[in-house]
Amino acid sequence: MTTTNMRISARNVLAVILTVASCGCASLTNTQVDEPKIFGGTQMNLQAMDTGQYGPLPYLDLPLSFALDTAFLPLTLVNVAVRERVERPPVPYTPPAEERPHDAE
């Protein structure tokens, strides 16, 4: 191999390493938003595929985002449940008519 071929090979290896390292980044982005969605990274990739945004990267990112979304699923479910409980006001308890105290006359 000549030096030029080695440089090209090193560039290709570096490009592959950077591509693989960036895969799953949609899932990581989903964990950093105020309202993470269940399988949000996978959803982001599917939307990017539909619009053609980011070229071929969503196709590379999709399998790893799906794997990370699956790994993050318990944390995301807890986050969503807590957020819904905090945002939803409590419903006041109204006892059935037969349990209500009768007015004394």
N, C-alpha and C. Protein backbone atom coordinates (compact mmCIF):
# COMPACT_ATOMS: atom_id res chain seq x y z
N MET A 1 0.83 -1.18 0.00
CA MET A 1 0.00 0.00 0.00
C MET A 1 0.87 1.24 0.00
N THR A 2 0.45 2.19 -0.75
CA THR A 2 1.20 3.44 -0.77
C THR A 2 0.70 4.33 0.35
N THR A 3 1.43 5.39 0.59
CA THR A 3 1.05 6.33 1.64
C THR A 3 -0.30 6.96 1.33
N THR A 4 -0.56 7.25 0.06
CA THR A 4 -1.83 7.86 -0.32
C THR A 4 -2.99 6.91 -0.02
N ASN A 5 -2.82 5.64 -0.33
CA ASN A 5 -3.87 4.66 -0.03
C ASN A 5 -4.10 4.52 1.46
N MET A 6 -3.05 4.62 2.23
CA MET A 6 -3.20 4.54 3.69
C MET A 6 -3.98 5.73 4.21
N ARG A 7 -3.71 6.92 3.68
CA ARG A 7 -4.44 8.11 4.11
C ARG A 7 -5.92 7.98 3.77
N ILE A 8 -6.20 7.50 2.58
CA ILE A 8 -7.59 7.32 2.19
C ILE A 8 -8.24 6.29 3.11
N SER A 9 -7.55 5.24 3.40
CA SER A 9 -8.09 4.22 4.29
C SER A 9 -8.30 4.79 5.69
N ALA A 10 -7.36 5.57 6.18
CA ALA A 10 -7.51 6.18 7.49
C ALA A 10 -8.70 7.13 7.51
N ARG A 11 -8.88 7.88 6.43
CA ARG A 11 -10.04 8.78 6.34
C ARG A 11 -11.34 7.99 6.34
N ASN A 12 -11.35 6.90 5.59
CA ASN A 12 -12.56 6.08 5.55
C ASN A 12 -12.86 5.48 6.93
N VAL A 13 -11.83 5.01 7.59
CA VAL A 13 -12.02 4.45 8.93
C VAL A 13 -12.52 5.53 9.88
N LEU A 14 -11.94 6.71 9.80
CA LEU A 14 -12.38 7.81 10.66
C LEU A 14 -13.83 8.18 10.36
N ALA A 15 -14.18 8.21 9.08
CA ALA A 15 -15.56 8.53 8.70
C ALA A 15 -16.53 7.49 9.24
N VAL A 16 -16.16 6.23 9.16
CA VAL A 16 -17.02 5.16 9.67
C VAL A 16 -17.15 5.27 11.19
N ILE A 17 -16.04 5.53 11.88
CA ILE A 17 -16.08 5.66 13.34
C ILE A 17 -16.97 6.82 13.75
N LEU A 18 -16.84 7.95 13.08
CA LEU A 18 -17.68 9.11 13.42
C LEU A 18 -19.15 8.86 13.12
N THR A 19 -19.42 8.15 12.04
CA THR A 19 -20.80 7.83 11.70
C THR A 19 -21.41 6.91 12.74
N VAL A 20 -20.68 5.87 13.11
CA VAL A 20 -21.19 4.93 14.11
C VAL A 20 -21.33 5.61 15.47
N ALA A 21 -20.38 6.48 15.81
CA ALA A 21 -20.45 7.18 17.09
C ALA A 21 -21.64 8.11 17.16
N SER A 22 -22.03 8.67 16.02
CA SER A 22 -23.16 9.60 16.03
C SER A 22 -24.50 8.87 15.95
N CYS A 23 -24.49 7.59 15.64
CA CYS A 23 -25.74 6.84 15.55
C CYS A 23 -26.37 6.74 16.92
N GLY A 24 -27.67 6.82 16.94
CA GLY A 24 -28.40 6.81 18.19
C GLY A 24 -28.54 8.20 18.76
N CYS A 25 -28.04 9.20 18.03
CA CYS A 25 -28.07 10.55 18.59
C CYS A 25 -29.48 11.10 18.67
N ALA A 26 -30.42 10.62 17.85
CA ALA A 26 -31.80 11.08 17.97
C ALA A 26 -32.38 10.67 19.31
N SER A 27 -32.02 9.48 19.78
CA SER A 27 -32.50 9.03 21.09
C SER A 27 -31.88 9.86 22.21
N LEU A 28 -30.62 10.19 22.06
CA LEU A 28 -29.98 11.02 23.08
C LEU A 28 -30.58 12.41 23.08
N THR A 29 -30.92 12.93 21.92
CA THR A 29 -31.59 14.23 21.84
C THR A 29 -32.94 14.16 22.52
N ASN A 30 -33.66 13.06 22.33
CA ASN A 30 -34.98 12.89 22.94
C ASN A 30 -34.90 12.91 24.47
N THR A 31 -33.81 12.42 25.05
CA THR A 31 -33.70 12.40 26.51
C THR A 31 -33.41 13.78 27.08
N GLN A 32 -32.99 14.73 26.24
CA GLN A 32 -32.61 16.04 26.72
C GLN A 32 -33.68 17.10 26.52
N VAL A 33 -34.82 16.76 25.96
CA VAL A 33 -35.88 17.73 25.76
C VAL A 33 -36.77 17.77 27.00
N ASP A 34 -37.56 18.83 27.12
CA ASP A 34 -38.42 18.97 28.30
C ASP A 34 -39.51 17.91 28.36
N GLU A 35 -40.00 17.52 27.21
CA GLU A 35 -41.05 16.51 27.16
C GLU A 35 -40.64 15.35 26.26
N PRO A 36 -39.82 14.42 26.78
CA PRO A 36 -39.40 13.29 25.94
C PRO A 36 -40.60 12.43 25.56
N LYS A 37 -40.54 11.89 24.36
CA LYS A 37 -41.61 11.03 23.86
C LYS A 37 -41.17 9.58 23.94
N ILE A 38 -42.12 8.69 24.09
CA ILE A 38 -41.82 7.27 24.08
C ILE A 38 -41.35 6.91 22.67
N PHE A 39 -40.17 6.30 22.58
CA PHE A 39 -39.50 5.99 21.31
C PHE A 39 -39.33 7.25 20.46
N GLY A 40 -39.00 8.36 21.12
CA GLY A 40 -38.86 9.65 20.46
C GLY A 40 -37.73 9.69 19.44
N GLY A 41 -36.61 9.04 19.72
CA GLY A 41 -35.51 9.02 18.76
C GLY A 41 -35.89 8.29 17.49
N THR A 42 -36.59 7.18 17.65
CA THR A 42 -37.06 6.42 16.50
C THR A 42 -38.06 7.25 15.71
N GLN A 43 -38.96 7.96 16.41
CA GLN A 43 -39.94 8.81 15.74
C GLN A 43 -39.24 9.93 14.96
N MET A 44 -38.20 10.53 15.56
CA MET A 44 -37.47 11.60 14.88
C MET A 44 -36.83 11.08 13.58
N ASN A 45 -36.24 9.89 13.66
CA ASN A 45 -35.62 9.31 12.46
C ASN A 45 -36.65 9.02 11.38
N LEU A 46 -37.80 8.49 11.75
CA LEU A 46 -38.83 8.19 10.76
C LEU A 46 -39.35 9.47 10.11
N GLN A 47 -39.50 10.53 10.89
CA GLN A 47 -39.93 11.81 10.33
C GLN A 47 -38.87 12.36 9.38
N ALA A 48 -37.60 12.24 9.76
CA ALA A 48 -36.51 12.72 8.90
C ALA A 48 -36.46 11.92 7.61
N MET A 49 -36.75 10.62 7.68
CA MET A 49 -36.78 9.80 6.47
C MET A 49 -37.92 10.25 5.54
N ASP A 50 -39.07 10.57 6.12
CA ASP A 50 -40.21 11.01 5.30
C ASP A 50 -39.92 12.32 4.58
N THR A 51 -39.23 13.23 5.27
CA THR A 51 -38.97 14.54 4.68
C THR A 51 -37.68 14.58 3.86
N GLY A 52 -36.84 13.56 4.01
CA GLY A 52 -35.57 13.54 3.31
C GLY A 52 -34.52 14.41 3.99
N GLN A 53 -34.83 14.84 5.20
CA GLN A 53 -33.92 15.69 5.95
C GLN A 53 -32.71 14.87 6.41
N TYR A 54 -31.55 15.46 6.39
CA TYR A 54 -30.28 14.87 6.84
C TYR A 54 -29.77 13.75 5.92
N GLY A 55 -30.32 13.62 4.74
CA GLY A 55 -29.81 12.64 3.78
C GLY A 55 -29.95 11.21 4.28
N PRO A 56 -28.87 10.40 4.18
CA PRO A 56 -28.96 8.99 4.57
C PRO A 56 -28.75 8.76 6.08
N LEU A 57 -28.42 9.78 6.85
CA LEU A 57 -28.12 9.58 8.27
C LEU A 57 -29.25 8.94 9.07
N PRO A 58 -30.52 9.33 8.86
CA PRO A 58 -31.58 8.68 9.63
C PRO A 58 -31.65 7.17 9.40
N TYR A 59 -31.29 6.73 8.19
CA TYR A 59 -31.31 5.29 7.89
C TYR A 59 -30.22 4.56 8.69
N LEU A 60 -29.08 5.23 8.88
CA LEU A 60 -28.01 4.64 9.68
C LEU A 60 -28.34 4.71 11.17
N ASP A 61 -29.01 5.77 11.56
CA ASP A 61 -29.29 6.02 12.97
C ASP A 61 -30.46 5.20 13.49
N LEU A 62 -31.39 4.83 12.62
CA LEU A 62 -32.61 4.17 13.06
C LEU A 62 -32.41 2.92 13.90
N PRO A 63 -31.60 1.94 13.49
CA PRO A 63 -31.47 0.73 14.31
C PRO A 63 -30.89 1.02 15.71
N LEU A 64 -29.89 1.89 15.76
CA LEU A 64 -29.30 2.18 17.07
C LEU A 64 -30.22 3.05 17.91
N SER A 65 -30.96 3.96 17.29
CA SER A 65 -31.93 4.75 18.05
C SER A 65 -33.01 3.84 18.62
N PHE A 66 -33.44 2.88 17.84
CA PHE A 66 -34.45 1.93 18.34
C PHE A 66 -33.91 1.17 19.55
N ALA A 67 -32.65 0.73 19.46
CA ALA A 67 -32.04 0.00 20.58
C ALA A 67 -31.92 0.90 21.81
N LEU A 68 -31.47 2.14 21.63
CA LEU A 68 -31.36 3.06 22.76
C LEU A 68 -32.73 3.43 23.32
N ASP A 69 -33.70 3.66 22.44
CA ASP A 69 -35.05 3.97 22.92
C ASP A 69 -35.60 2.82 23.76
N THR A 70 -35.31 1.60 23.35
CA THR A 70 -35.75 0.43 24.12
C THR A 70 -35.05 0.40 25.47
N ALA A 71 -33.76 0.71 25.49
CA ALA A 71 -33.02 0.73 26.76
C ALA A 71 -33.52 1.85 27.67
N PHE A 72 -33.88 3.00 27.08
CA PHE A 72 -34.35 4.14 27.87
C PHE A 72 -35.83 4.06 28.20
N LEU A 73 -36.54 3.07 27.70
CA LEU A 73 -37.98 3.00 27.86
C LEU A 73 -38.44 3.09 29.32
N PRO A 74 -37.86 2.34 30.27
CA PRO A 74 -38.32 2.47 31.66
C PRO A 74 -38.19 3.91 32.19
N LEU A 75 -37.08 4.57 31.89
CA LEU A 75 -36.90 5.95 32.35
C LEU A 75 -37.88 6.90 31.68
N THR A 76 -38.12 6.68 30.40
CA THR A 76 -39.05 7.54 29.67
C THR A 76 -40.47 7.37 30.20
N LEU A 77 -40.86 6.13 30.48
CA LEU A 77 -42.20 5.88 31.03
C LEU A 77 -42.39 6.56 32.38
N VAL A 78 -41.38 6.48 33.24
CA VAL A 78 -41.46 7.15 34.54
C VAL A 78 -41.56 8.66 34.34
N ASN A 79 -40.74 9.21 33.45
CA ASN A 79 -40.75 10.64 33.19
C ASN A 79 -42.12 11.09 32.69
N VAL A 80 -42.70 10.35 31.76
CA VAL A 80 -44.00 10.70 31.20
C VAL A 80 -45.07 10.61 32.29
N ALA A 81 -45.04 9.55 33.09
CA ALA A 81 -46.04 9.37 34.15
C ALA A 81 -45.96 10.48 35.19
N VAL A 82 -44.76 10.84 35.59
CA VAL A 82 -44.59 11.91 36.58
C VAL A 82 -45.06 13.24 36.00
N ARG A 83 -44.69 13.50 34.75
CA ARG A 83 -45.08 14.76 34.12
C ARG A 83 -46.61 14.86 34.02
N GLU A 84 -47.27 13.78 33.63
CA GLU A 84 -48.73 13.80 33.52
C GLU A 84 -49.38 13.99 34.89
N ARG A 85 -48.82 13.39 35.91
CA ARG A 85 -49.39 13.52 37.25
C ARG A 85 -49.24 14.95 37.76
N VAL A 86 -48.12 15.56 37.47
CA VAL A 86 -47.88 16.93 37.93
C VAL A 86 -48.76 17.91 37.16
N GLU A 87 -48.92 17.71 35.86
CA GLU A 87 -49.68 18.64 35.03
C GLU A 87 -51.19 18.50 35.22
N ARG A 88 -51.65 17.33 35.59
CA ARG A 88 -53.08 17.11 35.73
C ARG A 88 -53.50 17.45 37.16
N PRO A 89 -54.45 18.37 37.35
CA PRO A 89 -54.88 18.70 38.72
C PRO A 89 -55.62 17.52 39.34
N PRO A 90 -55.54 17.40 40.65
CA PRO A 90 -56.25 16.29 41.30
C PRO A 90 -57.77 16.46 41.18
N VAL A 91 -58.44 15.34 41.04
CA VAL A 91 -59.90 15.35 40.96
C VAL A 91 -60.44 15.27 42.38
N PRO A 92 -61.28 16.23 42.79
CA PRO A 92 -61.81 16.17 44.16
C PRO A 92 -62.73 14.96 44.33
N TYR A 93 -62.65 14.37 45.50
CA TYR A 93 -63.47 13.20 45.79
C TYR A 93 -64.86 13.65 46.22
N THR A 94 -65.87 13.10 45.57
CA THR A 94 -67.25 13.36 45.95
C THR A 94 -67.85 12.02 46.33
N PRO A 95 -68.19 11.86 47.63
CA PRO A 95 -68.74 10.57 48.05
C PRO A 95 -70.12 10.35 47.44
N PRO A 96 -70.51 9.09 47.28
CA PRO A 96 -71.85 8.79 46.78
C PRO A 96 -72.91 9.39 47.70
N ALA A 97 -74.11 9.60 47.18
CA ALA A 97 -75.19 10.25 47.94
C ALA A 97 -75.48 9.54 49.26
N GLU A 98 -75.44 8.22 49.25
CA GLU A 98 -75.79 7.49 50.49
C GLU A 98 -74.72 7.65 51.57
N GLU A 99 -73.51 8.07 51.20
CA GLU A 99 -72.46 8.27 52.20
C GLU A 99 -72.36 9.72 52.67
N ARG A 100 -73.06 10.62 52.02
CA ARG A 100 -73.00 12.03 52.40
C ARG A 100 -73.78 12.24 53.70
N PRO A 101 -73.25 13.13 54.54
CA PRO A 101 -74.01 13.40 55.78
C PRO A 101 -75.30 14.15 55.44
N HIS A 102 -76.37 13.78 56.15
CA HIS A 102 -77.66 14.44 55.93
C HIS A 102 -77.71 15.70 56.75
N ASP A 103 -78.36 16.71 56.21
CA ASP A 103 -78.50 17.96 56.95
C ASP A 103 -79.41 17.75 58.13
N ALA A 104 -78.96 18.21 59.31
CA ALA A 104 -79.78 18.10 60.52
C ALA A 104 -80.83 19.22 60.50
N GLU A 105 -82.05 18.85 60.75
CA GLU A 105 -83.10 19.87 60.75
C GLU A 105 -83.53 20.21 62.12
